């Protein structure tokens, strides 16, 4: 038994009081997660081998008719489902006996716990923010399935949610994409508005249209530079939450760049967040994992682990889009 085992309960209690608000703080750290939270699209899952999203991809039978014309009924397949794997994230917090001796006294011990927990929370927030833009292949395929997979630069390839986008008949599962492949097509303040407008219209269906546009620093700056003073409208709620933003045809335009920004270089995502969800497990939404009294067997230390399990899911691809600027290759050193 370790000499400091009695502190394991204090560590667990301290962690439990902090993790109650950690999920909310993670959402506030990322514009997309913030929007999903506000829309009520942060929906917990109770279990299952996969996270399932139902899809409506076809139309039912219909017949324009008169009199005794036959009304067609073929009962076509109009529903399917996308399946997303569970992705798990954890951050351990540990206190060694030596640290406890060096920080003796109840208040100093609690301060040390708080500092370590705060660092773990920051790590989890940053990893979730990075994961939102990933293609899900990081950490040997264990990373969150992010926008690089769901709203791909090349939507005609790859499998997303168990559906192969390259297969004929699965065109409904391809997002819109405008990729500037040559230096001659590189976006400028004179051309970015037109490119945004074209993609925006491709992502629109009646009143269903993008509500959030997320860009890296470069494309956000180009769009901002293309506006005259009278066009610089903002969403005050997002501004109050700390997200710098502009407006484009009613959609909020956010940049996720600068220090700690993860939006890929030269990318601007046109998102209809109605069809995107963050699906955490109800028992693993930034909560303590397992035994709250983890005392090391062969170390003078106590540990606790904050964990999250879930994934980012999508149930409509056609109404999502990405604008990708030409990026000048860097010279080899």
Protein backbone atom coordinates (compact mmCIF):
# COMPACT_ATOMS: atom_id res chain seq x y z
CA UNK A 1 0.00 0.00 0.00
CA UNK A 2 1.33 3.46 -0.80
CA UNK A 3 1.90 6.01 1.93
CA UNK A 4 -0.38 8.50 0.16
CA UNK A 5 -3.38 6.27 -0.66
CA UNK A 6 -5.70 8.43 1.45
CA UNK A 7 -5.27 11.24 -1.06
CA UNK A 8 -6.77 9.18 -3.92
CA UNK A 9 -10.28 9.97 -2.69
CA UNK A 10 -9.45 13.69 -2.51
CA UNK A 11 -8.15 13.55 -6.09
CA UNK A 12 -11.32 11.79 -7.28
CA UNK A 13 -13.63 14.26 -5.54
CA UNK A 14 -11.68 17.19 -6.99
CA UNK A 15 -11.87 15.66 -10.47
CA UNK A 16 -15.60 14.92 -10.22
CA UNK A 17 -16.38 18.53 -9.32
CA UNK A 18 -14.41 19.75 -12.33
CA UNK A 19 -15.55 17.21 -14.95
CA UNK A 20 -19.17 18.25 -14.48
CA UNK A 21 -18.40 21.38 -16.48
CA UNK A 22 -15.62 20.04 -18.70
CA UNK A 23 -17.91 18.97 -21.57
CA UNK A 24 -19.42 22.46 -21.66
CA UNK A 25 -15.98 24.08 -21.64
CA UNK A 26 -14.85 21.86 -24.54
CA UNK A 27 -17.85 23.07 -26.58
CA UNK A 28 -17.04 26.68 -25.81
CA UNK A 29 -13.50 26.15 -27.11
CA UNK A 30 -14.59 25.32 -30.69
CA UNK A 31 -17.07 27.14 -32.93
CA UNK A 32 -18.50 23.99 -34.49
CA UNK A 33 -18.97 22.23 -31.15
CA UNK A 34 -20.49 25.42 -29.75
CA UNK A 35 -23.00 25.54 -32.60
CA UNK A 36 -23.89 21.85 -32.24
CA UNK A 37 -24.42 22.36 -28.52
CA UNK A 38 -26.68 25.38 -29.14
CA UNK A 39 -28.70 23.42 -31.72
CA UNK A 40 -29.22 20.55 -29.31
CA UNK A 41 -27.09 18.32 -31.57
CA UNK A 42 -24.88 17.10 -28.79
CA UNK A 43 -26.80 13.88 -28.24
CA UNK A 44 -25.64 11.11 -25.95
CA UNK A 45 -25.66 7.42 -26.89
CA UNK A 46 -26.48 4.67 -24.40
CA UNK A 47 -24.48 1.87 -26.06
CA UNK A 48 -24.15 -0.42 -29.06
CA UNK A 49 -21.22 -1.69 -31.10
CA UNK A 50 -21.46 1.34 -33.43
CA UNK A 51 -23.06 4.79 -33.39
CA UNK A 52 -25.88 4.68 -35.95
CA UNK A 53 -27.34 7.62 -37.89
CA UNK A 54 -30.48 6.96 -39.93
CA UNK A 55 -30.46 8.34 -43.50
CA UNK A 56 -33.30 9.28 -45.84
CA UNK A 57 -31.72 9.29 -49.29
CA UNK A 58 -34.48 8.57 -51.82
CA UNK A 59 -38.04 9.51 -52.72
CA UNK A 60 -41.24 7.48 -52.44
CA UNK A 61 -43.37 6.47 -55.44
CA UNK A 62 -45.51 9.18 -57.02
CA UNK A 63 -47.85 9.42 -60.01
CA UNK A 64 -49.45 12.34 -61.76
CA UNK A 65 -52.79 10.91 -62.84
CA UNK A 66 -56.35 11.50 -64.02
CA UNK A 67 -59.46 9.38 -63.92
CA UNK A 68 -58.74 5.66 -63.56
CA UNK A 69 -55.01 5.83 -64.36
CA UNK A 70 -52.89 3.29 -62.49
CA UNK A 71 -51.01 4.72 -59.51
CA UNK A 72 -47.51 3.26 -59.43
CA UNK A 73 -46.32 1.47 -56.32
CA UNK A 74 -42.89 -0.15 -56.35
CA UNK A 75 -41.97 0.42 -52.69
CA UNK A 76 -38.43 1.72 -53.36
CA UNK A 77 -35.69 1.71 -50.75
CA UNK A 78 -35.55 5.24 -49.33
CA UNK A 79 -33.88 4.71 -45.95
CA UNK A 80 -30.44 3.54 -44.91
CA UNK A 81 -28.06 4.15 -42.03
CA UNK A 82 -24.50 5.28 -41.49
CA UNK A 83 -22.45 3.56 -38.79
CA UNK A 84 -19.65 5.31 -36.96
CA UNK A 85 -17.04 3.63 -34.78
CA UNK A 86 -16.55 4.57 -31.17
CA UNK A 87 -13.54 6.83 -30.63
CA UNK A 88 -12.09 7.05 -27.13
CA UNK A 89 -10.00 9.78 -25.53
CA UNK A 90 -8.48 9.87 -22.06
CA UNK A 91 -6.20 12.04 -19.98
CA UNK A 92 -4.67 10.63 -16.77
CA UNK A 93 -3.94 12.73 -13.70
CA UNK A 94 -1.36 11.38 -11.27
CA UNK A 95 0.21 12.46 -8.01
CA UNK A 96 3.39 10.87 -6.72
CA UNK A 97 4.22 10.46 -3.07
CA UNK A 98 7.23 12.72 -3.56
CA UNK A 99 5.02 15.50 -4.95
CA UNK A 100 2.71 15.16 -1.96
CA UNK A 101 5.63 15.44 0.44
CA UNK A 102 6.93 18.50 -1.39
CA UNK A 103 3.45 20.04 -1.33
CA UNK A 104 2.46 19.02 2.17
CA UNK A 105 -0.45 20.71 3.86
CA UNK A 106 -4.05 20.20 2.73
CA UNK A 107 -4.40 23.45 0.78
CA UNK A 108 -1.13 22.96 -1.11
CA UNK A 109 -2.12 19.39 -2.02
CA UNK A 110 -5.47 20.58 -3.37
CA UNK A 111 -3.68 23.32 -5.34
CA UNK A 112 -1.43 20.67 -6.91
CA UNK A 113 -4.47 18.54 -7.80
CA UNK A 114 -6.17 21.56 -9.35
CA UNK A 115 -3.11 22.45 -11.44
CA UNK A 116 -2.78 18.92 -12.80
CA UNK A 117 -6.52 18.62 -13.52
CA UNK A 118 -6.51 22.00 -15.26
CA UNK A 119 -3.65 20.83 -17.47
CA UNK A 120 -5.54 17.61 -18.33
CA UNK A 121 -8.65 19.63 -19.21
CA UNK A 122 -6.65 21.87 -21.53
CA UNK A 123 -5.16 18.79 -23.20
CA UNK A 124 -8.61 17.27 -23.77
CA UNK A 125 -10.03 20.53 -25.18
CA UNK A 126 -7.13 20.84 -27.60
CA UNK A 127 -7.36 17.22 -28.70
CA UNK A 128 -11.09 17.49 -29.35
CA UNK A 129 -10.57 20.71 -31.33
CA UNK A 130 -7.87 19.03 -33.42
CA UNK A 131 -10.01 15.92 -33.88
CA UNK A 132 -12.92 17.95 -35.29
CA UNK A 133 -10.82 18.59 -38.44
CA UNK A 134 -9.17 15.18 -38.69
CA UNK A 135 -9.82 12.40 -41.17
CA UNK A 136 -10.03 9.86 -38.37
CA UNK A 137 -6.82 8.06 -39.27
CA UNK A 138 -4.62 9.63 -36.58
CA UNK A 139 -3.36 7.47 -33.70
CA UNK A 140 -3.71 4.36 -35.89
CA UNK A 141 -7.33 5.14 -36.77
CA UNK A 142 -8.39 5.87 -33.18
CA UNK A 143 -8.77 9.65 -33.57
CA UNK A 144 -12.17 11.34 -33.85
CA UNK A 145 -13.77 11.20 -37.31
CA UNK A 146 -13.60 14.88 -38.28
CA UNK A 147 -14.39 17.19 -41.19
CA UNK A 148 -11.50 15.98 -43.37
CA UNK A 149 -13.43 12.69 -43.61
CA UNK A 150 -17.05 13.85 -43.42
CA UNK A 151 -16.63 16.85 -45.76
CA UNK A 152 -13.77 15.61 -47.90
CA UNK A 153 -11.63 17.46 -50.45
CA UNK A 154 -12.36 14.56 -52.81
CA UNK A 155 -15.89 13.30 -51.99
CA UNK A 156 -15.83 10.63 -54.72
CA UNK A 157 -13.47 8.37 -52.78
CA UNK A 158 -13.29 6.79 -49.35
CA UNK A 159 -15.74 5.15 -46.98
CA UNK A 160 -17.58 7.28 -44.43
CA UNK A 161 -20.01 5.86 -41.91
CA UNK A 162 -19.64 2.47 -43.58
CA UNK A 163 -20.82 3.80 -46.98
CA UNK A 164 -18.38 3.75 -49.92
CA UNK A 165 -18.57 7.07 -51.73
CA UNK A 166 -16.95 5.67 -54.86
CA UNK A 167 -19.77 3.17 -55.43
CA UNK A 168 -22.34 3.97 -58.10
CA UNK A 169 -25.67 4.74 -56.43
CA UNK A 170 -24.02 6.35 -53.40
CA UNK A 171 -23.74 9.79 -54.97
CA UNK A 172 -26.12 11.08 -52.28
CA UNK A 173 -23.33 10.52 -49.76
CA UNK A 174 -20.88 12.93 -51.45
CA UNK A 175 -20.39 16.44 -50.15
CA UNK A 176 -19.85 19.46 -52.40
CA UNK A 177 -16.23 20.47 -53.05
CA UNK A 178 -14.45 23.23 -54.98
CA UNK A 179 -10.72 22.59 -55.06
CA UNK A 180 -8.44 25.18 -56.67
CA UNK A 181 -5.80 22.92 -58.18
CA UNK A 182 -3.49 25.43 -59.91
CA UNK A 183 -1.73 28.67 -59.06
CA UNK A 184 -3.85 30.44 -61.71
CA UNK A 185 -6.97 29.58 -59.69
CA UNK A 186 -5.60 30.81 -56.36
CA UNK A 187 -8.23 32.83 -54.52
CA UNK A 188 -7.92 36.58 -54.03
CA UNK A 189 -10.07 39.27 -52.44
CA UNK A 190 -11.52 39.83 -55.91
CA UNK A 191 -12.53 36.20 -56.48
CA UNK A 192 -13.34 34.74 -53.08
CA UNK A 193 -16.88 36.13 -52.82
CA UNK A 194 -17.86 34.57 -56.14
CA UNK A 195 -16.32 31.21 -55.18
CA UNK A 196 -18.13 31.26 -51.84
CA UNK A 197 -21.42 32.15 -53.51
CA UNK A 198 -21.16 29.30 -56.03
CA UNK A 199 -20.43 26.71 -53.32
CA UNK A 200 -23.07 28.13 -51.00
CA UNK A 201 -25.74 27.66 -53.67
CA UNK A 202 -24.58 24.09 -54.33
CA UNK A 203 -25.01 23.36 -50.62
CA UNK A 204 -28.52 24.85 -50.50
CA UNK A 205 -31.87 23.12 -50.96
CA UNK A 206 -34.83 25.43 -50.55
CA UNK A 207 -34.62 26.83 -47.04
CA UNK A 208 -31.98 24.23 -46.09
CA UNK A 209 -28.64 25.98 -46.40
CA UNK A 210 -25.28 26.31 -44.60
CA UNK A 211 -25.51 28.07 -41.26
CA UNK A 212 -21.82 27.94 -40.28
CA UNK A 213 -18.77 28.61 -42.45
CA UNK A 214 -15.41 27.82 -40.83
CA UNK A 215 -12.19 29.03 -42.44
CA UNK A 216 -8.47 29.11 -41.80
CA UNK A 217 -6.75 32.48 -41.27
CA UNK A 218 -5.95 33.03 -44.94
CA UNK A 219 -9.41 32.50 -46.41
CA UNK A 220 -11.10 34.34 -43.54
CA UNK A 221 -8.80 37.31 -44.16
CA UNK A 222 -9.49 37.19 -47.90
CA UNK A 223 -13.24 37.23 -47.30
CA UNK A 224 -12.94 40.03 -44.73
CA UNK A 225 -10.80 42.02 -47.18
CA UNK A 226 -13.43 41.62 -49.90
CA UNK A 227 -16.11 43.35 -47.83
CA UNK A 228 -16.91 47.02 -47.66
CA UNK A 229 -17.70 48.54 -44.28
CA UNK A 230 -21.47 48.29 -44.78
CA UNK A 231 -21.24 44.50 -45.22
CA UNK A 232 -19.40 43.70 -42.00
CA UNK A 233 -22.29 42.18 -40.07
CA UNK A 234 -21.63 39.82 -37.16
CA UNK A 235 -23.50 37.37 -34.97
CA UNK A 236 -23.51 39.06 -31.57
CA UNK A 237 -24.14 35.79 -29.68
CA UNK A 238 -21.01 34.23 -31.18
CA UNK A 239 -19.07 37.41 -30.53
CA UNK A 240 -20.18 37.38 -26.88
CA UNK A 241 -19.00 33.76 -26.68
CA UNK A 242 -15.54 34.88 -27.85
CA UNK A 243 -15.69 33.81 -31.52
CA UNK A 244 -14.73 36.49 -34.03
CA UNK A 245 -17.15 36.25 -36.91
CA UNK A 246 -18.65 37.79 -40.02
CA UNK A 247 -21.80 37.07 -42.02
CA UNK A 248 -22.30 35.61 -45.51
CA UNK A 249 -25.89 35.40 -46.79
CA UNK A 250 -27.11 34.81 -43.25
CA UNK A 251 -24.43 32.21 -42.43
CA UNK A 252 -21.91 32.85 -39.68
CA UNK A 253 -18.31 32.95 -40.91
CA UNK A 254 -15.76 31.94 -38.25
CA UNK A 255 -12.02 31.57 -38.42
CA UNK A 256 -10.34 28.75 -36.58
CA UNK A 257 -6.74 29.67 -37.09
CA UNK A 258 -4.06 31.58 -35.27
CA UNK A 259 -2.37 30.03 -32.28
CA UNK A 260 -4.19 26.84 -31.37
CA UNK A 261 -6.32 26.86 -34.52
CA UNK A 262 -6.76 23.57 -36.33
CA UNK A 263 -8.65 24.35 -39.54
CA UNK A 264 -6.49 22.92 -42.37
CA UNK A 265 -4.50 25.41 -44.43
CA UNK A 266 -6.46 26.91 -47.31
CA UNK A 267 -9.78 25.36 -46.28
CA UNK A 268 -13.23 26.87 -45.79
CA UNK A 269 -16.03 24.52 -44.69
CA UNK A 270 -19.67 25.27 -45.52
CA UNK A 271 -21.62 23.38 -42.85
CA UNK A 272 -25.29 22.70 -42.36
CA UNK A 273 -25.06 21.81 -38.69
CA UNK A 274 -28.63 20.48 -38.71
CA UNK A 275 -27.12 17.26 -40.07
CA UNK A 276 -24.02 17.06 -37.88
CA UNK A 277 -24.01 15.69 -34.35
CA UNK A 278 -21.54 15.09 -31.55
CA UNK A 279 -22.51 11.71 -30.05
CA UNK A 280 -20.81 11.03 -26.69
CA UNK A 281 -21.60 7.95 -24.62
CA UNK A 282 -23.84 8.92 -21.70
CA UNK A 283 -21.43 7.35 -19.21
CA UNK A 284 -18.20 8.60 -20.78
CA UNK A 285 -18.74 12.28 -21.52
CA UNK A 286 -15.59 13.70 -19.91
CA UNK A 287 -16.13 11.73 -16.74
CA UNK A 288 -13.97 9.75 -14.34
CA UNK A 289 -13.19 6.28 -15.70
CA UNK A 290 -13.59 3.27 -13.47
CA UNK A 291 -12.54 3.06 -9.84
CA UNK A 292 -12.31 6.49 -8.25
CA UNK A 293 -9.53 5.19 -5.94
CA UNK A 294 -6.76 4.17 -8.33
CA UNK A 295 -3.78 3.45 -6.10
CA UNK A 296 -0.69 2.18 -7.90
CA UNK A 297 0.33 -1.36 -6.91
CA UNK A 298 4.06 -0.93 -7.43
CA UNK A 299 4.45 2.85 -7.26
CA UNK A 300 4.17 5.49 -4.59
CA UNK A 301 1.43 7.30 -6.52
CA UNK A 302 -2.31 7.71 -7.05
CA UNK A 303 -4.05 8.21 -10.39
CA UNK A 304 -7.38 9.19 -11.92
CA UNK A 305 -8.42 9.18 -15.59
CA UNK A 306 -10.81 11.58 -17.32
CA UNK A 307 -12.39 9.88 -20.33
CA UNK A 308 -14.58 10.55 -23.34
CA UNK A 309 -16.12 8.14 -25.86
CA UNK A 310 -18.18 8.92 -28.95
CA UNK A 311 -17.79 10.40 -32.41
CA UNK A 312 -18.77 13.22 -34.70
CA UNK A 313 -21.52 11.99 -37.04
CA UNK A 314 -23.32 13.19 -40.17
CA UNK A 315 -26.63 12.15 -41.74
CA UNK A 316 -26.62 14.35 -44.86
CA UNK A 317 -23.51 14.87 -46.99
CA UNK A 318 -24.92 16.67 -50.04
CA UNK A 319 -25.68 19.81 -48.03
CA UNK A 320 -22.10 20.13 -46.72
CA UNK A 321 -19.26 21.70 -48.71
CA UNK A 322 -15.60 22.63 -48.69
CA UNK A 323 -13.70 25.32 -50.58
CA UNK A 324 -9.99 24.50 -50.91
CA UNK A 325 -7.55 27.14 -52.08
CA UNK A 326 -4.39 26.39 -54.02
CA UNK A 327 -1.50 26.24 -51.57
CA UNK A 328 1.89 27.19 -52.96
CA UNK A 329 4.29 24.26 -52.42
CA UNK A 330 7.09 24.95 -49.99
CA UNK A 331 10.64 24.46 -51.34
CA UNK A 332 12.53 21.49 -50.02
CA UNK A 333 15.28 22.43 -47.60
